[in-house]
Amino acid sequence: MIVTAGVSGLPRMTVHVPAPLRELTGGRDRLHFEARTVDDVLELIRETEPLLAGRLFADDGSVRRYINLFLNGADLRHLEAADRTVSRDSVLSIVPSVAGG
């Protein structure tokens, strides 16, 4: 199942939801958002997916330390603002850190 949210006419981005977090999206493995930037997509996640947002974001709104976000394979933490622009068919991957031994 796929959900689309955002403003019509903007680039459409796919957000891949990993298996451990799908229970927070009603089992959906992909979400689609129309937005100009990744930051806009993250805001749309906060607005439309409150359970998922609770796992992704700290109380101050920042992405939690153990959550890794990749835009088209590039670590979001290392991208400048200009590189955080969404283009047609952009993909944001959510990758929770795995701990254990």
N, C-alpha and C. Protein backbone atom coordinates (compact mmCIF):
# COMPACT_ATOMS: atom_id res chain seq x y z
N MET A 1 0.85 -1.18 0.00
CA MET A 1 0.00 0.00 0.00
C MET A 1 0.89 1.24 0.00
N ILE A 2 0.51 2.25 -0.73
CA ILE A 2 1.29 3.48 -0.89
C ILE A 2 0.41 4.67 -0.56
N VAL A 3 0.98 5.63 0.13
CA VAL A 3 0.27 6.86 0.45
C VAL A 3 1.02 8.02 -0.15
N THR A 4 0.29 8.97 -0.74
CA THR A 4 0.90 10.16 -1.31
C THR A 4 0.39 11.37 -0.55
N ALA A 5 1.33 12.27 -0.21
CA ALA A 5 0.96 13.51 0.47
C ALA A 5 1.82 14.62 -0.08
N GLY A 6 1.32 15.83 -0.03
CA GLY A 6 2.11 16.98 -0.47
C GLY A 6 1.30 17.90 -1.34
N VAL A 7 2.03 18.73 -2.06
CA VAL A 7 1.43 19.75 -2.90
C VAL A 7 1.55 19.32 -4.35
N SER A 8 0.45 19.29 -5.06
CA SER A 8 0.45 18.86 -6.45
C SER A 8 1.35 19.73 -7.31
N GLY A 9 2.01 19.12 -8.28
CA GLY A 9 2.86 19.85 -9.20
C GLY A 9 4.33 19.86 -8.80
N LEU A 10 4.65 19.40 -7.60
CA LEU A 10 6.03 19.34 -7.13
C LEU A 10 6.61 17.96 -7.43
N PRO A 11 7.93 17.83 -7.40
CA PRO A 11 8.52 16.51 -7.63
C PRO A 11 8.02 15.50 -6.61
N ARG A 12 7.86 14.28 -7.06
CA ARG A 12 7.36 13.21 -6.21
C ARG A 12 8.53 12.34 -5.73
N MET A 13 8.63 12.17 -4.44
CA MET A 13 9.71 11.40 -3.84
C MET A 13 9.16 10.16 -3.17
N THR A 14 9.91 9.07 -3.23
CA THR A 14 9.55 7.83 -2.55
C THR A 14 10.38 7.72 -1.28
N VAL A 15 9.72 7.38 -0.19
CA VAL A 15 10.41 7.11 1.07
C VAL A 15 10.28 5.61 1.33
N HIS A 16 11.43 4.93 1.41
CA HIS A 16 11.44 3.50 1.70
C HIS A 16 11.43 3.30 3.21
N VAL A 17 10.45 2.54 3.68
CA VAL A 17 10.30 2.26 5.11
C VAL A 17 10.80 0.84 5.36
N PRO A 18 11.82 0.68 6.22
CA PRO A 18 12.36 -0.66 6.46
C PRO A 18 11.39 -1.51 7.27
N ALA A 19 11.54 -2.82 7.17
CA ALA A 19 10.63 -3.76 7.83
C ALA A 19 10.42 -3.47 9.31
N PRO A 20 11.47 -3.15 10.09
CA PRO A 20 11.23 -2.93 11.52
C PRO A 20 10.35 -1.72 11.84
N LEU A 21 10.17 -0.81 10.90
CA LEU A 21 9.36 0.38 11.14
C LEU A 21 8.00 0.34 10.46
N ARG A 22 7.73 -0.70 9.71
CA ARG A 22 6.46 -0.77 8.95
C ARG A 22 5.24 -0.87 9.84
N GLU A 23 5.41 -1.38 11.04
CA GLU A 23 4.27 -1.44 11.97
C GLU A 23 3.78 -0.04 12.29
N LEU A 24 4.64 0.96 12.11
CA LEU A 24 4.29 2.36 12.39
C LEU A 24 3.61 3.04 11.21
N THR A 25 3.60 2.37 10.05
CA THR A 25 2.96 2.93 8.85
C THR A 25 1.82 2.05 8.37
N GLY A 26 1.30 1.23 9.25
CA GLY A 26 0.22 0.33 8.85
C GLY A 26 0.67 -0.74 7.88
N GLY A 27 1.95 -1.10 7.93
CA GLY A 27 2.49 -2.15 7.07
C GLY A 27 3.02 -1.66 5.73
N ARG A 28 2.91 -0.37 5.47
CA ARG A 28 3.37 0.15 4.18
C ARG A 28 4.89 0.19 4.11
N ASP A 29 5.43 -0.26 2.98
CA ASP A 29 6.89 -0.25 2.79
C ASP A 29 7.38 0.98 2.04
N ARG A 30 6.45 1.71 1.44
CA ARG A 30 6.80 2.93 0.70
C ARG A 30 5.77 4.00 0.96
N LEU A 31 6.26 5.22 1.07
CA LEU A 31 5.40 6.40 1.15
C LEU A 31 5.83 7.33 0.03
N HIS A 32 4.90 8.08 -0.52
CA HIS A 32 5.24 9.04 -1.58
C HIS A 32 4.84 10.43 -1.13
N PHE A 33 5.73 11.38 -1.37
CA PHE A 33 5.48 12.76 -1.00
C PHE A 33 5.88 13.67 -2.15
N GLU A 34 5.12 14.74 -2.32
CA GLU A 34 5.45 15.76 -3.29
C GLU A 34 5.98 16.96 -2.53
N ALA A 35 7.24 17.35 -2.83
CA ALA A 35 7.88 18.43 -2.08
C ALA A 35 9.08 18.95 -2.85
N ARG A 36 9.59 20.10 -2.43
CA ARG A 36 10.76 20.70 -3.07
C ARG A 36 12.07 20.19 -2.49
N THR A 37 12.08 19.94 -1.16
CA THR A 37 13.31 19.54 -0.48
C THR A 37 13.06 18.35 0.43
N VAL A 38 14.14 17.71 0.83
CA VAL A 38 14.03 16.61 1.79
C VAL A 38 13.48 17.13 3.11
N ASP A 39 13.86 18.33 3.50
CA ASP A 39 13.34 18.90 4.74
C ASP A 39 11.82 19.05 4.68
N ASP A 40 11.30 19.40 3.51
CA ASP A 40 9.84 19.47 3.34
C ASP A 40 9.22 18.08 3.50
N VAL A 41 9.89 17.06 2.95
CA VAL A 41 9.41 15.69 3.08
C VAL A 41 9.39 15.27 4.55
N LEU A 42 10.45 15.61 5.27
CA LEU A 42 10.50 15.26 6.69
C LEU A 42 9.37 15.94 7.46
N GLU A 43 9.05 17.16 7.09
CA GLU A 43 7.93 17.86 7.73
C GLU A 43 6.61 17.16 7.39
N LEU A 44 6.46 16.72 6.15
CA LEU A 44 5.25 15.99 5.76
C LEU A 44 5.12 14.68 6.52
N ILE A 45 6.25 14.02 6.78
CA ILE A 45 6.21 12.80 7.58
C ILE A 45 5.71 13.13 8.98
N ARG A 46 6.20 14.23 9.56
CA ARG A 46 5.73 14.64 10.89
C ARG A 46 4.21 14.86 10.90
N GLU A 47 3.71 15.46 9.83
CA GLU A 47 2.29 15.81 9.75
C GLU A 47 1.39 14.62 9.45
N THR A 48 1.85 13.70 8.61
CA THR A 48 0.97 12.63 8.11
C THR A 48 1.23 11.26 8.71
N GLU A 49 2.39 11.07 9.33
CA GLU A 49 2.76 9.77 9.88
C GLU A 49 3.26 9.93 11.31
N PRO A 50 2.37 10.28 12.25
CA PRO A 50 2.82 10.59 13.61
C PRO A 50 3.53 9.44 14.33
N LEU A 51 3.13 8.21 14.10
CA LEU A 51 3.81 7.09 14.75
C LEU A 51 5.24 6.94 14.23
N LEU A 52 5.40 7.01 12.94
CA LEU A 52 6.73 6.94 12.34
C LEU A 52 7.57 8.14 12.79
N ALA A 53 6.97 9.31 12.78
CA ALA A 53 7.69 10.52 13.19
C ALA A 53 8.19 10.39 14.63
N GLY A 54 7.40 9.78 15.49
CA GLY A 54 7.81 9.60 16.87
C GLY A 54 9.07 8.77 17.00
N ARG A 55 9.29 7.86 16.08
CA ARG A 55 10.49 7.03 16.10
C ARG A 55 11.67 7.72 15.41
N LEU A 56 11.38 8.57 14.42
CA LEU A 56 12.45 9.20 13.64
C LEU A 56 13.03 10.45 14.29
N PHE A 57 12.17 11.22 14.97
CA PHE A 57 12.58 12.55 15.43
C PHE A 57 12.64 12.66 16.94
N ALA A 58 13.66 13.37 17.43
CA ALA A 58 13.80 13.67 18.85
C ALA A 58 12.81 14.78 19.22
N ASP A 59 12.69 15.06 20.50
CA ASP A 59 11.76 16.09 20.97
C ASP A 59 12.06 17.47 20.38
N ASP A 60 13.34 17.74 20.08
CA ASP A 60 13.70 19.04 19.51
C ASP A 60 13.49 19.11 17.99
N GLY A 61 12.98 18.02 17.40
CA GLY A 61 12.69 18.00 15.96
C GLY A 61 13.81 17.44 15.10
N SER A 62 14.98 17.23 15.68
CA SER A 62 16.10 16.69 14.91
C SER A 62 15.92 15.18 14.69
N VAL A 63 16.59 14.68 13.67
CA VAL A 63 16.56 13.24 13.41
C VAL A 63 17.35 12.55 14.52
N ARG A 64 16.79 11.51 15.08
CA ARG A 64 17.46 10.78 16.16
C ARG A 64 18.81 10.24 15.70
N ARG A 65 19.76 10.14 16.63
CA ARG A 65 21.13 9.71 16.32
C ARG A 65 21.17 8.34 15.65
N TYR A 66 20.30 7.44 16.06
CA TYR A 66 20.35 6.07 15.55
C TYR A 66 19.55 5.87 14.26
N ILE A 67 19.02 6.94 13.71
CA ILE A 67 18.31 6.87 12.44
C ILE A 67 19.20 7.47 11.36
N ASN A 68 19.43 6.72 10.30
CA ASN A 68 20.22 7.19 9.17
C ASN A 68 19.29 7.40 7.99
N LEU A 69 19.44 8.53 7.33
CA LEU A 69 18.64 8.85 6.16
C LEU A 69 19.56 9.01 4.96
N PHE A 70 19.20 8.38 3.86
CA PHE A 70 19.99 8.43 2.64
C PHE A 70 19.13 8.93 1.49
N LEU A 71 19.57 10.00 0.85
CA LEU A 71 18.90 10.54 -0.33
C LEU A 71 19.62 10.03 -1.55
N ASN A 72 18.97 9.18 -2.30
CA ASN A 72 19.57 8.58 -3.50
C ASN A 72 20.93 7.97 -3.18
N GLY A 73 21.04 7.35 -2.01
CA GLY A 73 22.26 6.67 -1.61
C GLY A 73 23.26 7.52 -0.85
N ALA A 74 23.05 8.84 -0.77
CA ALA A 74 23.99 9.73 -0.08
C ALA A 74 23.48 10.03 1.33
N ASP A 75 24.37 9.95 2.31
CA ASP A 75 24.01 10.20 3.70
C ASP A 75 23.55 11.65 3.85
N LEU A 76 22.33 11.82 4.32
CA LEU A 76 21.72 13.15 4.44
C LEU A 76 22.52 14.07 5.35
N ARG A 77 23.19 13.51 6.35
CA ARG A 77 23.98 14.33 7.28
C ARG A 77 25.12 15.07 6.59
N HIS A 78 25.55 14.56 5.45
CA HIS A 78 26.70 15.14 4.76
C HIS A 78 26.33 15.95 3.52
N LEU A 79 25.04 16.18 3.31
CA LEU A 79 24.60 16.92 2.12
C LEU A 79 24.36 18.39 2.46
N GLU A 80 24.84 19.25 1.60
CA GLU A 80 24.58 20.68 1.72
C GLU A 80 23.12 20.94 1.32
N ALA A 81 22.61 22.10 1.67
CA ALA A 81 21.21 22.45 1.40
C ALA A 81 20.85 22.28 -0.08
N ALA A 82 21.74 22.69 -0.97
CA ALA A 82 21.46 22.61 -2.41
C ALA A 82 21.33 21.16 -2.86
N ASP A 83 22.00 20.25 -2.16
CA ASP A 83 21.96 18.84 -2.53
C ASP A 83 20.78 18.10 -1.90
N ARG A 84 20.00 18.82 -1.10
CA ARG A 84 18.84 18.22 -0.43
C ARG A 84 17.55 18.49 -1.20
N THR A 85 17.68 18.98 -2.43
CA THR A 85 16.52 19.26 -3.28
C THR A 85 15.99 17.96 -3.86
N VAL A 86 14.69 17.83 -3.87
CA VAL A 86 14.03 16.65 -4.40
C VAL A 86 13.88 16.81 -5.91
N SER A 87 14.22 15.77 -6.62
CA SER A 87 13.98 15.74 -8.06
C SER A 87 13.03 14.59 -8.35
N ARG A 88 12.55 14.54 -9.55
CA ARG A 88 11.63 13.48 -9.94
C ARG A 88 12.28 12.12 -9.67
N ASP A 89 11.56 11.26 -9.03
CA ASP A 89 12.01 9.91 -8.73
C ASP A 89 13.12 9.83 -7.68
N SER A 90 13.29 10.87 -6.84
CA SER A 90 14.23 10.78 -5.73
C SER A 90 13.75 9.73 -4.74
N VAL A 91 14.71 9.12 -4.04
CA VAL A 91 14.40 8.09 -3.05
C VAL A 91 15.08 8.44 -1.74
N LEU A 92 14.30 8.44 -0.67
CA LEU A 92 14.83 8.63 0.68
C LEU A 92 14.72 7.29 1.38
N SER A 93 15.83 6.77 1.84
CA SER A 93 15.85 5.49 2.55
C SER A 93 16.05 5.74 4.03
N ILE A 94 15.22 5.12 4.85
CA ILE A 94 15.35 5.18 6.29
C ILE A 94 16.08 3.91 6.73
N VAL A 95 17.20 4.11 7.43
CA VAL A 95 17.98 2.96 7.88
C VAL A 95 18.29 3.11 9.37
N PRO A 96 17.53 2.38 10.22
CA PRO A 96 17.83 2.44 11.64
C PRO A 96 19.15 1.73 11.93
N SER A 97 19.92 2.25 12.86
CA SER A 97 21.16 1.58 13.25
C SER A 97 20.83 0.26 13.92
N VAL A 98 21.70 -0.69 13.75
CA VAL A 98 21.53 -2.02 14.34
C VAL A 98 22.62 -2.19 15.38
N ALA A 99 22.23 -2.57 16.58
CA ALA A 99 23.20 -2.80 17.65
C ALA A 99 23.12 -4.24 18.09
N GLY A 100 24.17 -4.70 18.67
CA GLY A 100 24.19 -6.06 19.17
C GLY A 100 25.55 -6.67 19.03
N GLY A 101 25.66 -7.88 19.40
CA GLY A 101 26.97 -8.50 19.35
C GLY A 101 26.93 -9.95 19.07
